[in-house]
Amino acid sequence: MNSLKSKISNTPFYSKLSFMKHFPAYSGMVLPDTPFWANFTVNVSRFLNGKEEKQRVALTKKIAKDSKPQARIPEDEGFLILDFRDNPMVMEAVECARNYANGADWDALEKTAKKPFLIDYPIDYHNEKFAPIAKLLLSPELLVPVSEYFGALPVVGDVHIWYSPNKEQSNDRSRSYHSDGLDRHHVQVFLPLEEIDEDNGPLTFLSAKQSEEIYKKLNKDGIAYRRNQKLDDEDIYKYCKPEDAIKGLAKPGQAIMADTTRCYHYGSRFGKRPRVQLLIQYYEPFSKKMPLWNREARLDGFDEGVIKALDTDVARNVLGMTHLEYSRMRLDEAA
């Protein structure tokens, strides 16, 4: 009996029921990973949280009005490459992240990492020593393009150093073409701490419009049934040309903003040297990763010195939702 119960409890369906029991406000997490259900979840949350949506839209308009014109993320493209090498604020954040990365024992971390080919080294931006990075998270340079792309002020998710050793030639897992089944829209900002070129495995991706067309064809042909499904290059290149793929080549101070939910992409595969970069995730505020109710924005856990600089409506709504710990709820992985 115990063996049968164990088998049942490990099935995806049972896992979802258990998740719903313990986290009912996150019911969007158990819905299928398709564009239809992603839109459904966002629209339901926007309806239930109409007052918050109006506030986030108003804050988006305010920061856009109060700052000089910023570049936009084109809807059809789903990505934007920016050059901040002449921006002291961005370069200070990059230097802060680089110093942190230089202090890591990557060889030791590689031995214990869940993904040895892609090591996550989290940054606790609540800590005053990472104040330049917290400032970057709230900067108009990043917030304006992301907010206008989402249509409302976003929520910061994970902030990590990503280290790719690039020691083995493999196209498995995130090194295969896929899109992230995270949301309707989802922007990741990649800031290299050392130059990323052809020799250290650049992020490679297709535009959002082309990716959506390819997904529809893959789905129709019975090859792909969810967005996060890992696909061989041959599957993708049945419907486009290899030269359509965009390589995220960049130098420190440049930034690649990409909607990895809408853009098919793959990560670092093999290279002559490691790749190290600062990763910032921005979630759509009404994402399935966010609760449908009990949504409270507060700045708990920040060092006093950081709070004094960040205690604003924008900071609370962008950084102050992290107490909900949505980023730790890995239902898809558990299933």
C-alpha atoms as a PDB file:
ATOM      1  CA  MET A   1       0.000   0.000   0.000  1.00  0.00           C
ATOM      2  CA  ASN A   2       2.773   2.432   0.883  1.00  0.00           C
ATOM      3  CA  SER A   3       4.500   1.629  -2.399  1.00  0.00           C
ATOM      4  CA  LEU A   4       1.294   2.334  -4.350  1.00  0.00           C
ATOM      5  CA  LYS A   5       0.737   5.578  -2.433  1.00  0.00           C
ATOM      6  CA  SER A   6       4.318   6.618  -3.194  1.00  0.00           C
ATOM      7  CA  LYS A   7       3.839   5.922  -6.907  1.00  0.00           C
ATOM      8  CA  ILE A   8       0.597   7.911  -7.006  1.00  0.00           C
ATOM      9  CA  SER A   9       2.087  10.834  -5.094  1.00  0.00           C
ATOM     10  CA  ASN A  10       4.896  11.074  -7.637  1.00  0.00           C
ATOM     11  CA  THR A  11       2.600  11.377 -10.661  1.00  0.00           C
ATOM     12  CA  PRO A  12       2.290  14.831 -12.301  1.00  0.00           C
ATOM     13  CA  PHE A  13      -1.488  14.900 -11.725  1.00  0.00           C
ATOM     14  CA  TYR A  14      -1.153  14.175  -8.008  1.00  0.00           C
ATOM     15  CA  SER A  15       1.661  16.720  -7.722  1.00  0.00           C
ATOM     16  CA  LYS A  16      -0.606  19.372  -9.196  1.00  0.00           C
ATOM     17  CA  LEU A  17      -3.452  18.507  -6.834  1.00  0.00           C
ATOM     18  CA  SER A  18      -1.065  18.687  -3.900  1.00  0.00           C
ATOM     19  CA  PHE A  19       0.283  22.006  -5.118  1.00  0.00           C
ATOM     20  CA  MET A  20      -3.252  23.417  -5.451  1.00  0.00           C
ATOM     21  CA  LYS A  21      -4.026  22.291  -1.900  1.00  0.00           C
ATOM     22  CA  HIS A  22      -1.030  24.090  -0.420  1.00  0.00           C
ATOM     23  CA  PHE A  23      -0.822  27.086  -2.777  1.00  0.00           C
ATOM     24  CA  PRO A  24      -4.369  27.772  -4.063  1.00  0.00           C
ATOM     25  CA  ALA A  25      -3.524  31.400  -4.903  1.00  0.00           C
ATOM     26  CA  TYR A  26      -1.013  30.111  -7.472  1.00  0.00           C
ATOM     27  CA  SER A  27      -3.528  28.038  -9.429  1.00  0.00           C
ATOM     28  CA  GLY A  28      -2.135  29.296 -12.744  1.00  0.00           C
ATOM     29  CA  MET A  29       0.956  27.169 -12.096  1.00  0.00           C
ATOM     30  CA  VAL A  30      -0.939  23.934 -12.754  1.00  0.00           C
ATOM     31  CA  LEU A  31      -2.438  24.965 -16.103  1.00  0.00           C
ATOM     32  CA  PRO A  32      -0.986  23.631 -19.377  1.00  0.00           C
ATOM     33  CA  ASP A  33       2.106  25.359 -20.752  1.00  0.00           C
ATOM     34  CA  THR A  34       0.510  26.832 -23.864  1.00  0.00           C
ATOM     35  CA  PRO A  35       0.014  30.423 -25.120  1.00  0.00           C
ATOM     36  CA  PHE A  36      -3.764  30.136 -24.618  1.00  0.00           C
ATOM     37  CA  TRP A  37      -3.520  29.256 -20.920  1.00  0.00           C
ATOM     38  CA  ALA A  38      -0.754  31.799 -20.326  1.00  0.00           C
ATOM     39  CA  ASN A  39      -3.054  34.539 -21.650  1.00  0.00           C
ATOM     40  CA  PHE A  40      -5.980  33.117 -19.671  1.00  0.00           C
ATOM     41  CA  THR A  41      -4.049  33.279 -16.385  1.00  0.00           C
ATOM     42  CA  VAL A  42      -2.890  36.857 -16.968  1.00  0.00           C
ATOM     43  CA  ASN A  43      -6.378  38.062 -17.894  1.00  0.00           C
ATOM     44  CA  VAL A  44      -7.968  36.443 -14.829  1.00  0.00           C
ATOM     45  CA  SER A  45      -5.357  37.975 -12.522  1.00  0.00           C
ATOM     46  CA  ARG A  46      -5.733  41.414 -14.132  1.00  0.00           C
ATOM     47  CA  PHE A  47      -9.500  41.206 -13.604  1.00  0.00           C
ATOM     48  CA  LEU A  48      -9.152  40.199  -9.951  1.00  0.00           C
ATOM     49  CA  ASN A  49      -6.498  42.836  -9.291  1.00  0.00           C
ATOM     50  CA  GLY A  50      -7.840  45.748 -11.320  1.00  0.00           C
ATOM     51  CA  LYS A  51      -6.835  48.383  -8.764  1.00  0.00           C
ATOM     52  CA  GLU A  52      -3.236  47.170  -8.731  1.00  0.00           C
ATOM     53  CA  GLU A  53      -3.155  47.085 -12.526  1.00  0.00           C
ATOM     54  CA  LYS A  54      -4.235  50.739 -12.724  1.00  0.00           C
ATOM     55  CA  GLN A  55      -1.517  51.673 -10.230  1.00  0.00           C
ATOM     56  CA  ARG A  56       1.154  49.791 -12.190  1.00  0.00           C
ATOM     57  CA  VAL A  57       0.068  51.365 -15.478  1.00  0.00           C
ATOM     58  CA  ALA A  58       0.158  54.820 -13.870  1.00  0.00           C
ATOM     59  CA  LEU A  59       3.654  54.206 -12.463  1.00  0.00           C
ATOM     60  CA  THR A  60       4.827  53.054 -15.895  1.00  0.00           C
ATOM     61  CA  LYS A  61       3.637  56.294 -17.464  1.00  0.00           C
ATOM     62  CA  LYS A  62       5.249  58.317 -14.677  1.00  0.00           C
ATOM     63  CA  ILE A  63       8.729  56.812 -14.953  1.00  0.00           C
ATOM     64  CA  ALA A  64       8.587  57.084 -18.753  1.00  0.00           C
ATOM     65  CA  LYS A  65       7.585  60.756 -18.497  1.00  0.00           C
ATOM     66  CA  ASP A  66      10.208  61.599 -15.868  1.00  0.00           C
ATOM     67  CA  SER A  67      13.119  60.002 -17.763  1.00  0.00           C
ATOM     68  CA  LYS A  68      14.684  60.746 -21.107  1.00  0.00           C
ATOM     69  CA  PRO A  69      13.345  58.657 -24.012  1.00  0.00           C
ATOM     70  CA  GLN A  70      14.392  55.012 -23.752  1.00  0.00           C
ATOM     71  CA  ALA A  71      14.594  52.351 -26.422  1.00  0.00           C
ATOM     72  CA  ARG A  72      11.569  50.087 -26.904  1.00  0.00           C
ATOM     73  CA  ILE A  73      11.337  46.300 -27.210  1.00  0.00           C
ATOM     74  CA  PRO A  74       9.516  45.702 -30.530  1.00  0.00           C
ATOM     75  CA  GLU A  75       6.549  43.352 -30.064  1.00  0.00           C
ATOM     76  CA  ASP A  76       7.355  41.338 -33.193  1.00  0.00           C
ATOM     77  CA  GLU A  77      11.027  41.031 -32.294  1.00  0.00           C
ATOM     78  CA  GLY A  78      10.707  40.332 -28.563  1.00  0.00           C
ATOM     79  CA  PHE A  79      14.280  41.430 -27.915  1.00  0.00           C
ATOM     80  CA  LEU A  80      16.458  44.510 -27.684  1.00  0.00           C
ATOM     81  CA  ILE A  81      20.244  44.948 -27.581  1.00  0.00           C
ATOM     82  CA  LEU A  82      21.449  48.069 -25.768  1.00  0.00           C
ATOM     83  CA  ASP A  83      24.824  49.708 -25.223  1.00  0.00           C
ATOM     84  CA  PHE A  84      25.404  51.195 -21.764  1.00  0.00           C
ATOM     85  CA  ARG A  85      29.201  51.387 -21.867  1.00  0.00           C
ATOM     86  CA  ASP A  86      29.028  55.162 -21.406  1.00  0.00           C
ATOM     87  CA  ASN A  87      26.561  54.877 -18.512  1.00  0.00           C
ATOM     88  CA  PRO A  88      28.355  55.083 -15.095  1.00  0.00           C
ATOM     89  CA  MET A  89      25.384  53.648 -13.189  1.00  0.00           C
ATOM     90  CA  VAL A  90      25.233  50.511 -15.355  1.00  0.00           C
ATOM     91  CA  MET A  91      28.999  50.060 -15.372  1.00  0.00           C
ATOM     92  CA  GLU A  92      29.102  50.344 -11.554  1.00  0.00           C
ATOM     93  CA  ALA A  93      26.541  47.527 -11.320  1.00  0.00           C
ATOM     94  CA  VAL A  94      28.514  45.411 -13.800  1.00  0.00           C
ATOM     95  CA  GLU A  95      31.707  45.966 -11.791  1.00  0.00           C
ATOM     96  CA  CYS A  96      29.891  45.044  -8.566  1.00  0.00           C
ATOM     97  CA  ALA A  97      28.680  41.796 -10.157  1.00  0.00           C
ATOM     98  CA  ARG A  98      32.128  41.072 -11.611  1.00  0.00           C
ATOM     99  CA  ASN A  99      33.799  41.450  -8.200  1.00  0.00           C
ATOM    100  CA  TYR A 100      31.239  39.065  -6.722  1.00  0.00           C
ATOM    101  CA  ALA A 101      31.791  36.552  -9.529  1.00  0.00           C
ATOM    102  CA  ASN A 102      35.556  36.739  -9.143  1.00  0.00           C
ATOM    103  CA  GLY A 103      35.193  35.616  -5.537  1.00  0.00           C
ATOM    104  CA  ALA A 104      33.297  32.436  -6.455  1.00  0.00           C
ATOM    105  CA  ASP A 105      34.916  28.993  -6.491  1.00  0.00           C
ATOM    106  CA  TRP A 106      33.415  27.871  -9.781  1.00  0.00           C
ATOM    107  CA  ASP A 107      35.152  24.481  -9.787  1.00  0.00           C
ATOM    108  CA  ALA A 108      33.649  23.618  -6.402  1.00  0.00           C
ATOM    109  CA  LEU A 109      30.215  24.950  -7.412  1.00  0.00           C
ATOM    110  CA  GLU A 110      30.331  22.921 -10.620  1.00  0.00           C
ATOM    111  CA  LYS A 111      30.687  19.675  -8.652  1.00  0.00           C
ATOM    112  CA  THR A 112      27.470  20.272  -6.687  1.00  0.00           C
ATOM    113  CA  ALA A 113      25.411  22.215  -9.263  1.00  0.00           C
ATOM    114  CA  LYS A 114      22.095  20.824 -10.465  1.00  0.00           C
ATOM    115  CA  LYS A 115      23.149  21.924 -13.945  1.00  0.00           C
ATOM    116  CA  PRO A 116      26.966  21.719 -14.094  1.00  0.00           C
ATOM    117  CA  PHE A 117      26.850  23.302 -17.550  1.00  0.00           C
ATOM    118  CA  LEU A 118      24.982  26.363 -16.202  1.00  0.00           C
ATOM    119  CA  ILE A 119      25.770  27.406 -12.635  1.00  0.00           C
ATOM    120  CA  ASP A 120      23.393  29.779 -10.849  1.00  0.00           C
ATOM    121  CA  TYR A 121      25.122  32.010  -8.308  1.00  0.00           C
ATOM    122  CA  PRO A 122      22.354  34.082  -6.678  1.00  0.00           C
ATOM    123  CA  ILE A 123      22.754  37.734  -5.773  1.00  0.00           C
ATOM    124  CA  ASP A 124      21.036  38.929  -2.603  1.00  0.00           C
ATOM    125  CA  TYR A 125      20.267  42.474  -3.717  1.00  0.00           C
ATOM    126  CA  HIS A 126      18.673  43.110  -0.311  1.00  0.00           C
ATOM    127  CA  ASN A 127      22.257  43.370   0.958  1.00  0.00           C
ATOM    128  CA  GLU A 128      23.813  46.825   0.967  1.00  0.00           C
ATOM    129  CA  LYS A 129      26.973  45.559  -0.729  1.00  0.00           C
ATOM    130  CA  PHE A 130      24.846  44.949  -3.840  1.00  0.00           C
ATOM    131  CA  ALA A 131      23.240  48.415  -3.763  1.00  0.00           C
ATOM    132  CA  PRO A 132      24.549  49.253  -7.288  1.00  0.00           C
ATOM    133  CA  ILE A 133      22.689  46.220  -8.619  1.00  0.00           C
ATOM    134  CA  ALA A 134      19.481  47.118  -6.736  1.00  0.00           C
ATOM    135  CA  LYS A 135      19.760  50.589  -8.263  1.00  0.00           C
ATOM    136  CA  LEU A 136      20.142  49.057 -11.727  1.00  0.00           C
ATOM    137  CA  LEU A 137      17.002  46.939 -11.231  1.00  0.00           C
ATOM    138  CA  LEU A 138      15.000  50.136 -10.724  1.00  0.00           C
ATOM    139  CA  SER A 139      16.728  52.254 -13.355  1.00  0.00           C
ATOM    140  CA  PRO A 140      14.698  53.813 -16.202  1.00  0.00           C
ATOM    141  CA  GLU A 141      17.235  52.258 -18.569  1.00  0.00           C
ATOM    142  CA  LEU A 142      15.770  48.836 -17.777  1.00  0.00           C
ATOM    143  CA  LEU A 143      12.353  49.580 -16.304  1.00  0.00           C
ATOM    144  CA  VAL A 144      11.006  51.755 -19.122  1.00  0.00           C
ATOM    145  CA  PRO A 145      11.539  49.241 -21.968  1.00  0.00           C
ATOM    146  CA  VAL A 146      10.300  46.320 -19.855  1.00  0.00           C
ATOM    147  CA  SER A 147       7.292  48.176 -18.395  1.00  0.00           C
ATOM    148  CA  GLU A 148       6.135  49.447 -21.766  1.00  0.00           C
ATOM    149  CA  TYR A 149       6.589  45.992 -23.287  1.00  0.00           C
ATOM    150  CA  PHE A 150       4.451  44.448 -20.526  1.00  0.00           C
ATOM    151  CA  GLY A 151       2.033  47.372 -20.402  1.00  0.00           C
ATOM    152  CA  ALA A 152       2.539  47.675 -16.633  1.00  0.00           C
ATOM    153  CA  LEU A 153       5.296  47.922 -14.046  1.00  0.00           C
ATOM    154  CA  PRO A 154       7.046  44.505 -13.730  1.00  0.00           C
ATOM    155  CA  VAL A 155       8.214  42.424 -10.779  1.00  0.00           C
ATOM    156  CA  VAL A 156      11.845  41.379 -10.380  1.00  0.00           C
ATOM    157  CA  GLY A 157      12.399  37.638 -10.163  1.00  0.00           C
ATOM    158  CA  ASP A 158      15.806  36.011  -9.933  1.00  0.00           C
ATOM    159  CA  VAL A 159      19.027  38.016 -10.043  1.00  0.00           C
ATOM    160  CA  HIS A 160      21.978  35.690 -10.583  1.00  0.00           C
ATOM    161  CA  ILE A 161      25.450  35.332 -11.929  1.00  0.00           C
ATOM    162  CA  TRP A 162      25.267  32.700 -14.655  1.00  0.00           C
ATOM    163  CA  TYR A 163      28.499  30.804 -15.235  1.00  0.00           C
ATOM    164  CA  SER A 164      28.827  28.384 -18.159  1.00  0.00           C
ATOM    165  CA  PRO A 165      32.036  26.302 -18.107  1.00  0.00           C
ATOM    166  CA  ASN A 166      31.488  25.279 -21.771  1.00  0.00           C
ATOM    167  CA  LYS A 167      33.557  22.129 -21.309  1.00  0.00           C
ATOM    168  CA  GLU A 168      31.414  19.622 -23.178  1.00  0.00           C
ATOM    169  CA  GLN A 169      29.786  19.496 -26.582  1.00  0.00           C
ATOM    170  CA  SER A 170      26.104  18.857 -25.931  1.00  0.00           C
ATOM    171  CA  ASN A 171      22.727  20.109 -27.111  1.00  0.00           C
ATOM    172  CA  ASP A 172      20.625  18.702 -24.289  1.00  0.00           C
ATOM    173  CA  ARG A 173      18.308  20.424 -21.783  1.00  0.00           C
ATOM    174  CA  SER A 174      18.519  24.247 -21.974  1.00  0.00           C
ATOM    175  CA  ARG A 175      21.160  23.857 -24.668  1.00  0.00           C
ATOM    176  CA  SER A 176      18.364  22.656 -26.962  1.00  0.00           C
ATOM    177  CA  TYR A 177      15.943  25.034 -28.627  1.00  0.00           C
ATOM    178  CA  HIS A 178      13.028  25.829 -26.312  1.00  0.00           C
ATOM    179  CA  SER A 179      10.997  28.715 -24.979  1.00  0.00           C
ATOM    180  CA  ASP A 180      10.496  29.264 -21.251  1.00  0.00           C
ATOM    181  CA  GLY A 181       7.014  28.315 -20.083  1.00  0.00           C
ATOM    182  CA  LEU A 182       6.972  31.097 -17.511  1.00  0.00           C
ATOM    183  CA  ASP A 183       4.361  33.579 -18.609  1.00  0.00           C
ATOM    184  CA  ARG A 184       2.644  35.370 -21.466  1.00  0.00           C
ATOM    185  CA  HIS A 185       5.606  37.752 -21.575  1.00  0.00           C
ATOM    186  CA  HIS A 186       8.857  37.441 -19.651  1.00  0.00           C
ATOM    187  CA  VAL A 187      12.007  39.514 -20.083  1.00  0.00           C
ATOM    188  CA  GLN A 188      15.471  38.371 -19.130  1.00  0.00           C
ATOM    189  CA  VAL A 189      18.312  40.886 -19.173  1.00  0.00           C
ATOM    190  CA  PHE A 190      21.764  39.454 -19.879  1.00  0.00           C
ATOM    191  CA  LEU A 191      24.748  41.664 -19.005  1.00  0.00           C
ATOM    192  CA  PRO A 192      28.118  40.068 -19.795  1.00  0.00           C
ATOM    193  CA  LEU A 193      30.849  40.446 -17.200  1.00  0.00           C
ATOM    194  CA  GLU A 194      33.397  39.387 -19.802  1.00  0.00           C
ATOM    195  CA  GLU A 195      33.036  39.640 -23.560  1.00  0.00           C
ATOM    196  CA  ILE A 196      30.688  37.075 -25.093  1.00  0.00           C
ATOM    197  CA  ASP A 197      31.693  36.041 -28.597  1.00  0.00           C
ATOM    198  CA  GLU A 198      31.575  32.939 -30.789  1.00  0.00           C
ATOM    199  CA  ASP A 199      34.221  31.269 -28.617  1.00  0.00           C
ATOM    200  CA  ASN A 200      32.274  31.120 -25.353  1.00  0.00           C
ATOM    201  CA  GLY A 201      28.766  30.069 -26.277  1.00  0.00           C
ATOM    202  CA  PRO A 202      26.481  33.058 -26.866  1.00  0.00           C
ATOM    203  CA  LEU A 203      22.735  32.890 -26.252  1.00  0.00           C
ATOM    204  CA  THR A 204      21.159  32.072 -29.623  1.00  0.00           C
ATOM    205  CA  PHE A 205      17.539  32.909 -30.356  1.00  0.00           C
ATOM    206  CA  LEU A 206      14.849  33.594 -32.952  1.00  0.00           C
ATOM    207  CA  SER A 207      12.522  36.585 -33.042  1.00  0.00           C
ATOM    208  CA  ALA A 208       9.214  36.349 -31.177  1.00  0.00           C
ATOM    209  CA  LYS A 209       7.071  36.501 -34.310  1.00  0.00           C
ATOM    210  CA  GLN A 210       9.066  33.811 -36.089  1.00  0.00           C
ATOM    211  CA  SER A 211       9.108  31.667 -32.941  1.00  0.00           C
ATOM    212  CA  GLU A 212       5.330  31.869 -32.600  1.00  0.00           C
ATOM    213  CA  GLU A 213       4.866  30.847 -36.228  1.00  0.00           C
ATOM    214  CA  ILE A 214       7.251  27.916 -35.766  1.00  0.00           C
ATOM    215  CA  TYR A 215       5.490  26.790 -32.570  1.00  0.00           C
ATOM    216  CA  LYS A 216       2.124  26.695 -34.351  1.00  0.00           C
ATOM    217  CA  LYS A 217       3.598  24.537 -37.119  1.00  0.00           C
ATOM    218  CA  LEU A 218       5.380  22.238 -34.662  1.00  0.00           C
ATOM    219  CA  ASN A 219       2.158  21.873 -32.680  1.00  0.00           C
ATOM    220  CA  LYS A 220       0.106  21.184 -35.803  1.00  0.00           C
ATOM    221  CA  ASP A 221       2.606  18.553 -36.950  1.00  0.00           C
ATOM    222  CA  GLY A 222       2.564  16.843 -33.548  1.00  0.00           C
ATOM    223  CA  ILE A 223       6.188  17.662 -32.752  1.00  0.00           C
ATOM    224  CA  ALA A 224       5.677  20.165 -29.917  1.00  0.00           C
ATOM    225  CA  TYR A 225       2.770  20.222 -27.470  1.00  0.00           C
ATOM    226  CA  ARG A 226       4.086  22.745 -24.926  1.00  0.00           C
ATOM    227  CA  ARG A 227       6.325  25.811 -25.079  1.00  0.00           C
ATOM    228  CA  ASN A 228       9.108  24.541 -22.840  1.00  0.00           C
ATOM    229  CA  GLN A 229       9.581  21.336 -24.824  1.00  0.00           C
ATOM    230  CA  LYS A 230      13.218  20.791 -25.791  1.00  0.00           C
ATOM    231  CA  LEU A 231      13.673  20.499 -29.561  1.00  0.00           C
ATOM    232  CA  ASP A 232      16.480  19.403 -31.863  1.00  0.00           C
ATOM    233  CA  ASP A 233      17.934  21.980 -34.233  1.00  0.00           C
ATOM    234  CA  GLU A 234      16.566  19.892 -37.102  1.00  0.00           C
ATOM    235  CA  ASP A 235      13.000  20.320 -35.803  1.00  0.00           C
ATOM    236  CA  ILE A 236      13.351  24.110 -35.691  1.00  0.00           C
ATOM    237  CA  TYR A 237      15.165  24.434 -39.007  1.00  0.00           C
ATOM    238  CA  LYS A 238      12.385  22.612 -40.831  1.00  0.00           C
ATOM    239  CA  TYR A 239      10.497  25.886 -40.584  1.00  0.00           C
ATOM    240  CA  CYS A 240      13.260  28.504 -40.784  1.00  0.00           C
ATOM    241  CA  LYS A 241      16.863  28.950 -41.873  1.00  0.00           C
ATOM    242  CA  PRO A 242      19.847  28.549 -39.505  1.00  0.00           C
ATOM    243  CA  GLU A 243      20.960  32.041 -40.488  1.00  0.00           C
ATOM    244  CA  ASP A 244      17.712  33.425 -39.033  1.00  0.00           C
ATOM    245  CA  ALA A 245      19.099  32.718 -35.556  1.00  0.00           C
ATOM    246  CA  ILE A 246      20.443  35.743 -33.683  1.00  0.00           C
ATOM    247  CA  LYS A 247      23.594  35.366 -31.606  1.00  0.00           C
ATOM    248  CA  GLY A 248      23.818  37.387 -28.410  1.00  0.00           C
ATOM    249  CA  LEU A 249      27.335  38.716 -28.871  1.00  0.00           C
ATOM    250  CA  ALA A 250      28.078  41.475 -26.375  1.00  0.00           C
ATOM    251  CA  LYS A 251      30.757  43.221 -24.336  1.00  0.00           C
ATOM    252  CA  PRO A 252      30.617  44.321 -20.682  1.00  0.00           C
ATOM    253  CA  GLY A 253      28.285  47.314 -20.519  1.00  0.00           C
ATOM    254  CA  GLN A 254      26.045  46.037 -23.294  1.00  0.00           C
ATOM    255  CA  ALA A 255      22.759  44.341 -22.469  1.00  0.00           C
ATOM    256  CA  ILE A 256      20.549  41.834 -24.240  1.00  0.00           C
ATOM    257  CA  MET A 257      16.883  42.054 -23.253  1.00  0.00           C
ATOM    258  CA  ALA A 258      14.971  39.039 -24.535  1.00  0.00           C
ATOM    259  CA  ASP A 259      11.490  37.652 -24.017  1.00  0.00           C
ATOM    260  CA  THR A 260      12.550  34.055 -23.540  1.00  0.00           C
ATOM    261  CA  THR A 261       8.928  32.951 -23.213  1.00  0.00           C
ATOM    262  CA  ARG A 262       8.088  34.104 -26.739  1.00  0.00           C
ATOM    263  CA  CYS A 263      11.492  33.598 -28.393  1.00  0.00           C
ATOM    264  CA  TYR A 264      12.802  30.129 -29.163  1.00  0.00           C
ATOM    265  CA  HIS A 265      16.386  30.026 -27.914  1.00  0.00           C
ATOM    266  CA  TYR A 266      19.191  27.884 -26.611  1.00  0.00           C
ATOM    267  CA  GLY A 267      21.972  28.583 -24.142  1.00  0.00           C
ATOM    268  CA  SER A 268      25.712  28.107 -24.109  1.00  0.00           C
ATOM    269  CA  ARG A 269      26.792  24.823 -25.721  1.00  0.00           C
ATOM    270  CA  PHE A 270      30.536  24.509 -26.100  1.00  0.00           C
ATOM    271  CA  GLY A 271      33.350  27.005 -26.199  1.00  0.00           C
ATOM    272  CA  LYS A 272      37.040  27.681 -25.851  1.00  0.00           C
ATOM    273  CA  ARG A 273      36.488  29.526 -22.577  1.00  0.00           C
ATOM    274  CA  PRO A 274      33.766  30.002 -19.926  1.00  0.00           C
ATOM    275  CA  ARG A 275      30.931  32.501 -20.191  1.00  0.00           C
ATOM    276  CA  VAL A 276      29.999  34.653 -17.187  1.00  0.00           C
ATOM    277  CA  GLN A 277      27.140  37.138 -17.084  1.00  0.00           C
ATOM    278  CA  LEU A 278      24.709  38.931 -14.819  1.00  0.00           C
ATOM    279  CA  LEU A 279      21.132  37.757 -15.297  1.00  0.00           C
ATOM    280  CA  ILE A 280      18.074  39.801 -14.283  1.00  0.00           C
ATOM    281  CA  GLN A 281      14.547  38.414 -14.628  1.00  0.00           C
ATOM    282  CA  TYR A 282      11.497  40.632 -14.952  1.00  0.00           C
ATOM    283  CA  TYR A 283       8.115  38.957 -14.564  1.00  0.00           C
ATOM    284  CA  GLU A 284       4.857  40.290 -15.909  1.00  0.00           C
ATOM    285  CA  PRO A 285       3.032  41.436 -12.723  1.00  0.00           C
ATOM    286  CA  PHE A 286       0.028  39.177 -13.350  1.00  0.00           C
ATOM    287  CA  SER A 287       2.092  36.136 -14.218  1.00  0.00           C
ATOM    288  CA  LYS A 288       1.142  32.618 -13.151  1.00  0.00           C
ATOM    289  CA  LYS A 289       4.214  32.858 -10.913  1.00  0.00           C
ATOM    290  CA  MET A 290       2.380  35.519  -8.912  1.00  0.00           C
ATOM    291  CA  PRO A 291      -0.624  34.851  -6.643  1.00  0.00           C
ATOM    292  CA  LEU A 292      -4.169  35.702  -7.650  1.00  0.00           C
ATOM    293  CA  TRP A 293      -4.869  37.226  -4.213  1.00  0.00           C
ATOM    294  CA  ASN A 294      -3.022  38.310  -1.045  1.00  0.00           C
ATOM    295  CA  ARG A 295      -0.747  40.434  -3.176  1.00  0.00           C
ATOM    296  CA  GLU A 296       1.092  42.777  -0.846  1.00  0.00           C
ATOM    297  CA  ALA A 297       4.103  44.886  -1.836  1.00  0.00           C
ATOM    298  CA  ARG A 298       6.560  45.556   0.966  1.00  0.00           C
ATOM    299  CA  LEU A 299      10.296  45.962   1.386  1.00  0.00           C
ATOM    300  CA  ASP A 300      11.051  43.329   4.008  1.00  0.00           C
ATOM    301  CA  GLY A 301      14.573  42.008   4.398  1.00  0.00           C
ATOM    302  CA  PHE A 302      16.467  44.918   2.833  1.00  0.00           C
ATOM    303  CA  ASP A 303      19.425  46.432   4.646  1.00  0.00           C
ATOM    304  CA  GLU A 304      18.615  49.831   6.153  1.00  0.00           C
ATOM    305  CA  GLY A 305      21.003  51.623   3.813  1.00  0.00           C
ATOM    306  CA  VAL A 306      19.276  50.141   0.785  1.00  0.00           C
ATOM    307  CA  ILE A 307      15.791  50.902   2.088  1.00  0.00           C
ATOM    308  CA  LYS A 308      16.546  54.617   2.444  1.00  0.00           C
ATOM    309  CA  ALA A 309      17.425  54.786  -1.227  1.00  0.00           C
ATOM    310  CA  LEU A 310      14.601  52.521  -2.473  1.00  0.00           C
ATOM    311  CA  ASP A 311      11.574  53.354  -0.322  1.00  0.00           C
ATOM    312  CA  THR A 312       9.321  54.457  -3.178  1.00  0.00           C
ATOM    313  CA  ASP A 313       6.118  53.184  -4.804  1.00  0.00           C
ATOM    314  CA  VAL A 314       8.145  51.969  -7.774  1.00  0.00           C
ATOM    315  CA  ALA A 315      10.615  50.069  -5.557  1.00  0.00           C
ATOM    316  CA  ARG A 316       7.866  48.442  -3.512  1.00  0.00           C
ATOM    317  CA  ASN A 317       6.017  47.237  -6.595  1.00  0.00           C
ATOM    318  CA  VAL A 318       9.113  46.077  -8.490  1.00  0.00           C
ATOM    319  CA  LEU A 319      11.193  44.603  -5.649  1.00  0.00           C
ATOM    320  CA  GLY A 320       8.683  44.300  -2.833  1.00  0.00           C
ATOM    321  CA  MET A 321       6.766  41.304  -4.161  1.00  0.00           C
ATOM    322  CA  THR A 322       9.698  38.934  -3.649  1.00  0.00           C
ATOM    323  CA  HIS A 323       8.448  37.969  -0.175  1.00  0.00           C
ATOM    324  CA  LEU A 324       5.910  35.814  -2.034  1.00  0.00           C
ATOM    325  CA  GLU A 325       8.744  33.462  -3.059  1.00  0.00           C
ATOM    326  CA  TYR A 326       7.109  32.612  -6.383  1.00  0.00           C
ATOM    327  CA  SER A 327      10.527  31.922  -7.889  1.00  0.00           C
ATOM    328  CA  ARG A 328      11.010  28.963  -5.530  1.00  0.00           C
ATOM    329  CA  MET A 329       7.856  27.169  -6.638  1.00  0.00           C
ATOM    330  CA  ARG A 330       9.230  24.802  -9.264  1.00  0.00           C
ATOM    331  CA  LEU A 331       6.055  22.873 -10.071  1.00  0.00           C
ATOM    332  CA  ASP A 332       7.157  22.114 -13.627  1.00  0.00           C
ATOM    333  CA  GLU A 333      10.415  20.603 -12.423  1.00  0.00           C
ATOM    334  CA  ALA A 334       8.647  18.558  -9.742  1.00  0.00           C
ATOM    335  CA  ALA A 335       6.223  17.193 -12.347  1.00  0.00           C
END
